[in-house]
Structure formats: C-alpha cells, structure tokens
Amino acid sequence: MNNYLSFRSQIPNNIQLVAVSKTHSSEKILEVYNLGQKIFGENKVQEMMEKYTLLPKDIKWHLIGHLQTNKVKYIAEFVDTIQSVDSGKILKEINKQAERYHRMIKVLLQVKIAEEDTKFGLEVSETKELFLKYLNGEFPNVEVKGLMGMATFTDDKDQIRREFSFLKNLFDQLSLQKKLETLSMGMSGDYEIAIASGANSIRVGSAIFGDRNYT
C-alpha cells in the first residue's frame, strides 16, 4: 500500500482525506487503516454495513453515494457522516433515525454543481432553504457540517474550476449565517483543482487503492 503513503504525503495536513473504499475488500481497507487512515467512504449502504461488522470500530464511515430514505435506518447507529444529503426528505429521515439512536449525525448538503443530468444534488435555492430550516431548529439530531459537490466528468479543467469555485462561494455565503467546517470537493481525477479552489476535504479511491473491480 505504498500508494497511500505517497499520496498522503502530497496532501496538506489540513485537508481531510476520505479514502473511498467502495468495491475494495476489507483486507485492503485494513492495510490502509494500519498505515493511519481512519476515514473511509462508501457508496452503498449494504457494502458499508458488511464492512462495519468486519473492521475496527474506530473507523469513521462516510456515506458518499445517493441514499434512499428507507436505507437510513441501517446505518444510523454507526455512520459518522452522510455527505450526500440531496433533499429535505432525506434530511428529515436522518434526523428521525438519529433521534432513535440518541445520536447526532453529521451531514453535508450535496449541491448540484455539474452540468450532467446524472448527478444528484440540491439546487442553490433548495440548499439555502434547507440550511435555514436547520438553523431554525427543524433537525435537532443532525449537524450540518458543510457542503459536498461533484464536478462534471470532463477534461475541461476550466469548467471544473468554475464549478468548484461556485460551490466555494455558496459555502462562504452560508458560513456568514453559521460557520461551516467542511467543503468536500474533488476525487482522484480533480482533487488538485478542488484543493486550489478551497476544498478542505477530498474523496479519493483509485489513487490509494488502485483500479476498482466491478465484477
């Protein structure tokens, strides 16, 4: 796992690294964990649950994929952060399940910044409206820590830079109402642009684990 150590050494210490472990084995995750990585990101609830049962309990699991309301109950007891809150409905359910387990669950509001139709996320107006409801105490068992966004899958670096800058501006606007901590932008292909654009959390998989096996 020399990939991990060399990659981590290139990332400033103030940048949170979420190691995206989807499709990778528990053995591989444990190797990276033993090198000091404690935050891992998964896209699917079932896969996260299986790995949670097998791996050390001080791992901080981040759900980074689209989350259905009927799946929240399965991870509410242990998930550290849900990065993919893309509707008021899902935030309401997270709050309900967090209360059930007497927990505060950390979340990021996922904002749609990409031009692709396939990406999930809140529109800016929805983000502001949801954040205001949070500030007014509608979700007492949820802690909104910041924003998450995924740029368009393109070779056009200027476009990626524009999309990340757009999200950073929104992050700064909302922080005037209540200081936000986490701006999650950037993956293996665009994390450098993300950091230069103001990200303080990146979600990186293949640069750490190598190519994924989807079979």
Protein backbone atom coordinates (compact mmCIF):
# COMPACT_ATOMS: atom_id res chain seq x y z
CA MET A 1 0.00 0.00 0.00
CA ASN A 2 2.81 2.40 -0.89
CA ASN A 3 0.18 4.27 -2.94
CA TYR A 4 -1.46 5.51 0.23
CA LEU A 5 1.69 6.79 1.90
CA SER A 6 2.94 8.58 -1.21
CA PHE A 7 -0.49 10.11 -1.83
CA ARG A 8 -0.98 11.23 1.77
CA SER A 9 2.47 12.86 1.76
CA GLN A 10 1.37 15.06 -1.19
CA ILE A 11 -1.77 16.31 0.56
CA PRO A 12 -1.53 19.21 3.05
CA ASN A 13 -2.18 18.15 6.64
CA ASN A 14 -5.21 20.42 6.92
CA ILE A 15 -7.02 18.54 4.13
CA GLN A 16 -9.30 15.74 5.30
CA LEU A 17 -8.76 12.63 3.18
CA VAL A 18 -11.74 10.32 2.76
CA ALA A 19 -10.39 7.04 1.37
CA VAL A 20 -13.10 5.78 -0.98
CA SER A 21 -13.14 2.05 -0.38
CA LYS A 22 -16.19 1.02 -2.43
CA THR A 23 -15.73 -2.38 -4.14
CA HIS A 24 -12.45 -2.94 -2.28
CA SER A 25 -12.05 -5.77 0.22
CA SER A 26 -11.97 -5.44 4.00
CA GLU A 27 -8.40 -6.76 3.87
CA LYS A 28 -7.32 -3.90 1.63
CA ILE A 29 -9.09 -1.37 3.86
CA LEU A 30 -7.36 -2.83 6.92
CA GLU A 31 -3.97 -2.41 5.25
CA VAL A 32 -4.65 1.30 4.70
CA TYR A 33 -6.15 1.63 8.19
CA ASN A 34 -2.96 0.19 9.69
CA LEU A 35 -1.00 2.95 7.94
CA GLY A 36 -3.01 5.54 9.86
CA GLN A 37 -6.08 6.24 7.70
CA LYS A 38 -9.26 6.35 9.79
CA ILE A 39 -11.88 7.87 7.43
CA PHE A 40 -13.35 5.68 4.71
CA GLY A 41 -16.12 6.43 2.21
CA GLU A 42 -18.67 4.01 0.81
CA ASN A 43 -21.35 4.49 -1.86
CA LYS A 44 -23.74 1.70 -0.89
CA VAL A 45 -25.42 1.02 2.42
CA GLN A 46 -25.21 -2.79 2.19
CA GLU A 47 -21.49 -2.73 1.49
CA MET A 48 -20.84 -0.26 4.30
CA MET A 49 -22.80 -2.41 6.78
CA GLU A 50 -20.85 -5.54 5.87
CA LYS A 51 -17.50 -3.78 6.24
CA TYR A 52 -18.55 -2.12 9.51
CA THR A 53 -19.13 -5.52 11.10
CA LEU A 54 -15.70 -6.80 10.00
CA LEU A 55 -13.43 -3.82 10.62
CA PRO A 56 -12.16 -1.79 13.63
CA LYS A 57 -14.86 0.23 15.34
CA ASP A 58 -12.87 3.48 15.45
CA ILE A 59 -13.16 3.82 11.66
CA LYS A 60 -15.20 6.89 10.71
CA TRP A 61 -17.53 5.81 7.91
CA HIS A 62 -18.73 8.41 5.42
CA LEU A 63 -21.67 7.61 3.14
CA ILE A 64 -20.86 9.43 -0.09
CA GLY A 65 -23.35 7.87 -2.52
CA HIS A 66 -27.03 8.60 -3.08
CA LEU A 67 -29.03 7.50 -0.04
CA GLN A 68 -32.63 6.30 -0.14
CA THR A 69 -34.83 7.16 2.83
CA ASN A 70 -35.66 3.51 3.55
CA LYS A 71 -31.95 2.69 3.94
CA VAL A 72 -31.07 5.34 6.56
CA LYS A 73 -32.13 3.11 9.47
CA TYR A 74 -29.46 0.54 8.62
CA ILE A 75 -26.51 2.91 9.11
CA ALA A 76 -27.90 5.45 11.60
CA GLU A 77 -26.38 3.66 14.59
CA PHE A 78 -22.77 3.91 13.42
CA VAL A 79 -22.25 6.21 10.40
CA ASP A 80 -20.02 9.20 11.16
CA THR A 81 -21.02 11.49 8.29
CA ILE A 82 -23.56 11.37 5.47
CA GLN A 83 -22.10 13.52 2.69
CA SER A 84 -24.90 13.05 0.20
CA VAL A 85 -27.94 14.86 1.64
CA ASP A 86 -29.77 15.90 -1.52
CA SER A 87 -33.33 16.55 -0.29
CA GLY A 88 -35.33 17.74 2.68
CA LYS A 89 -36.99 14.33 2.81
CA ILE A 90 -33.70 12.51 3.40
CA LEU A 91 -32.55 15.03 6.00
CA LYS A 92 -35.83 14.58 7.89
CA GLU A 93 -35.34 10.80 7.90
CA ILE A 94 -31.71 11.08 9.07
CA ASN A 95 -32.88 13.30 11.93
CA LYS A 96 -35.59 10.78 12.85
CA GLN A 97 -33.21 7.82 12.87
CA ALA A 98 -30.51 9.76 14.74
CA GLU A 99 -33.06 10.56 17.46
CA ARG A 100 -33.98 6.89 17.65
CA TYR A 101 -30.35 6.03 18.45
CA HIS A 102 -29.84 9.09 20.70
CA ARG A 103 -27.16 10.40 18.35
CA MET A 104 -26.16 13.49 16.44
CA ILE A 105 -25.35 12.53 12.85
CA LYS A 106 -23.06 14.81 10.88
CA VAL A 107 -24.14 15.62 7.32
CA LEU A 108 -23.07 17.59 4.28
CA LEU A 109 -25.59 19.12 1.92
CA GLN A 110 -24.87 17.87 -1.59
CA VAL A 111 -25.19 20.69 -4.10
CA LYS A 112 -25.65 20.03 -7.82
CA ILE A 113 -22.79 21.87 -9.49
CA ALA A 114 -22.21 19.60 -12.52
CA GLU A 115 -23.88 20.10 -15.89
CA GLU A 116 -24.53 16.36 -16.20
CA ASP A 117 -28.10 15.21 -15.61
CA THR A 118 -26.90 12.06 -13.85
CA LYS A 119 -25.52 13.84 -10.78
CA PHE A 120 -27.69 14.13 -7.68
CA GLY A 121 -27.80 17.27 -5.59
CA LEU A 122 -29.74 20.25 -4.33
CA GLU A 123 -30.25 23.40 -6.35
CA VAL A 124 -28.83 26.55 -4.70
CA SER A 125 -32.27 27.80 -3.64
CA GLU A 126 -33.07 24.41 -2.09
CA THR A 127 -29.74 24.40 -0.27
CA LYS A 128 -30.37 27.82 1.25
CA GLU A 129 -33.92 26.89 2.22
CA LEU A 130 -32.83 23.63 3.89
CA PHE A 131 -29.97 25.33 5.70
CA LEU A 132 -32.37 27.96 7.05
CA LYS A 133 -34.70 25.23 8.35
CA TYR A 134 -31.70 23.64 10.05
CA LEU A 135 -30.73 26.96 11.65
CA ASN A 136 -34.31 27.33 12.87
CA GLY A 137 -34.02 24.04 14.74
CA GLU A 138 -36.03 21.72 12.49
CA PHE A 139 -33.42 18.94 12.61
CA PRO A 140 -32.14 18.80 16.22
CA ASN A 141 -30.36 15.44 15.83
CA VAL A 142 -28.43 16.46 12.73
CA GLU A 143 -25.32 18.60 12.49
CA VAL A 144 -24.82 20.27 9.11
CA LYS A 145 -21.03 20.44 8.85
CA GLY A 146 -20.76 21.80 5.31
CA LEU A 147 -21.29 21.18 1.62
CA MET A 148 -20.35 18.50 -0.89
CA GLY A 149 -20.24 18.68 -4.66
CA MET A 150 -19.17 16.63 -7.69
CA ALA A 151 -17.84 18.38 -10.77
CA THR A 152 -18.73 17.43 -14.32
CA PHE A 153 -16.76 14.45 -15.64
CA THR A 154 -14.77 16.31 -18.26
CA ASP A 155 -11.21 17.08 -19.38
CA ASP A 156 -12.07 20.79 -19.36
CA LYS A 157 -10.20 21.97 -16.27
CA ASP A 158 -11.60 25.49 -16.55
CA GLN A 159 -15.12 24.12 -16.29
CA ILE A 160 -14.20 22.01 -13.25
CA ARG A 161 -12.56 25.06 -11.68
CA ARG A 162 -15.71 27.15 -12.30
CA GLU A 163 -17.94 24.52 -10.72
CA PHE A 164 -15.74 24.18 -7.64
CA SER A 165 -15.46 27.98 -7.28
CA PHE A 166 -19.24 28.23 -7.49
CA LEU A 167 -19.58 25.81 -4.56
CA LYS A 168 -16.90 27.60 -2.56
CA ASN A 169 -18.80 30.88 -2.97
CA LEU A 170 -22.00 29.27 -1.71
CA PHE A 171 -20.08 27.74 1.21
CA ASP A 172 -18.77 31.21 2.14
CA GLN A 173 -22.26 32.73 1.86
CA LEU A 174 -23.82 30.15 4.18
CA SER A 175 -20.90 30.45 6.61
CA LEU A 176 -21.94 34.05 7.23
CA GLN A 177 -25.10 32.65 8.86
CA LYS A 178 -23.35 29.84 10.75
CA LYS A 179 -19.72 28.86 10.38
CA LEU A 180 -19.40 25.73 8.25
CA GLU A 181 -16.39 23.44 8.62
CA THR A 182 -16.27 21.07 5.68
CA LEU A 183 -16.16 21.72 1.94
CA SER A 184 -15.95 18.31 0.28
CA MET A 185 -14.89 18.59 -3.36
CA GLY A 186 -12.55 16.61 -5.56
CA MET A 187 -11.81 12.98 -6.35
CA SER A 188 -8.81 11.14 -7.79
CA GLY A 189 -9.01 12.97 -11.13
CA ASP A 190 -9.60 16.53 -9.94
CA TYR A 191 -8.57 16.79 -6.27
CA GLU A 192 -5.73 19.22 -7.04
CA ILE A 193 -8.13 21.68 -8.68
CA ALA A 194 -10.52 21.16 -5.75
CA ILE A 195 -7.87 22.00 -3.14
CA ALA A 196 -6.78 25.06 -5.12
CA SER A 197 -10.45 26.11 -5.23
CA GLY A 198 -10.85 25.89 -1.45
CA ALA A 199 -11.78 22.29 -0.65
CA ASN A 200 -10.68 21.06 2.76
CA SER A 201 -11.95 17.51 2.27
CA ILE A 202 -11.37 15.25 -0.73
CA ARG A 203 -12.78 11.83 -1.65
CA VAL A 204 -10.09 9.66 -3.22
CA GLY A 205 -10.25 5.98 -4.14
CA SER A 206 -8.23 4.76 -7.12
CA ALA A 207 -5.17 6.90 -6.30
CA ILE A 208 -4.99 4.99 -3.00
CA PHE A 209 -6.41 1.52 -3.71
CA GLY A 210 -5.73 1.21 -7.43
CA ASP A 211 -8.37 0.44 -10.06
CA ARG A 212 -11.69 -0.95 -8.94
CA ASN A 213 -13.01 -4.38 -9.78
CA TYR A 214 -16.71 -4.09 -10.60
CA THR A 215 -17.24 -7.74 -11.48
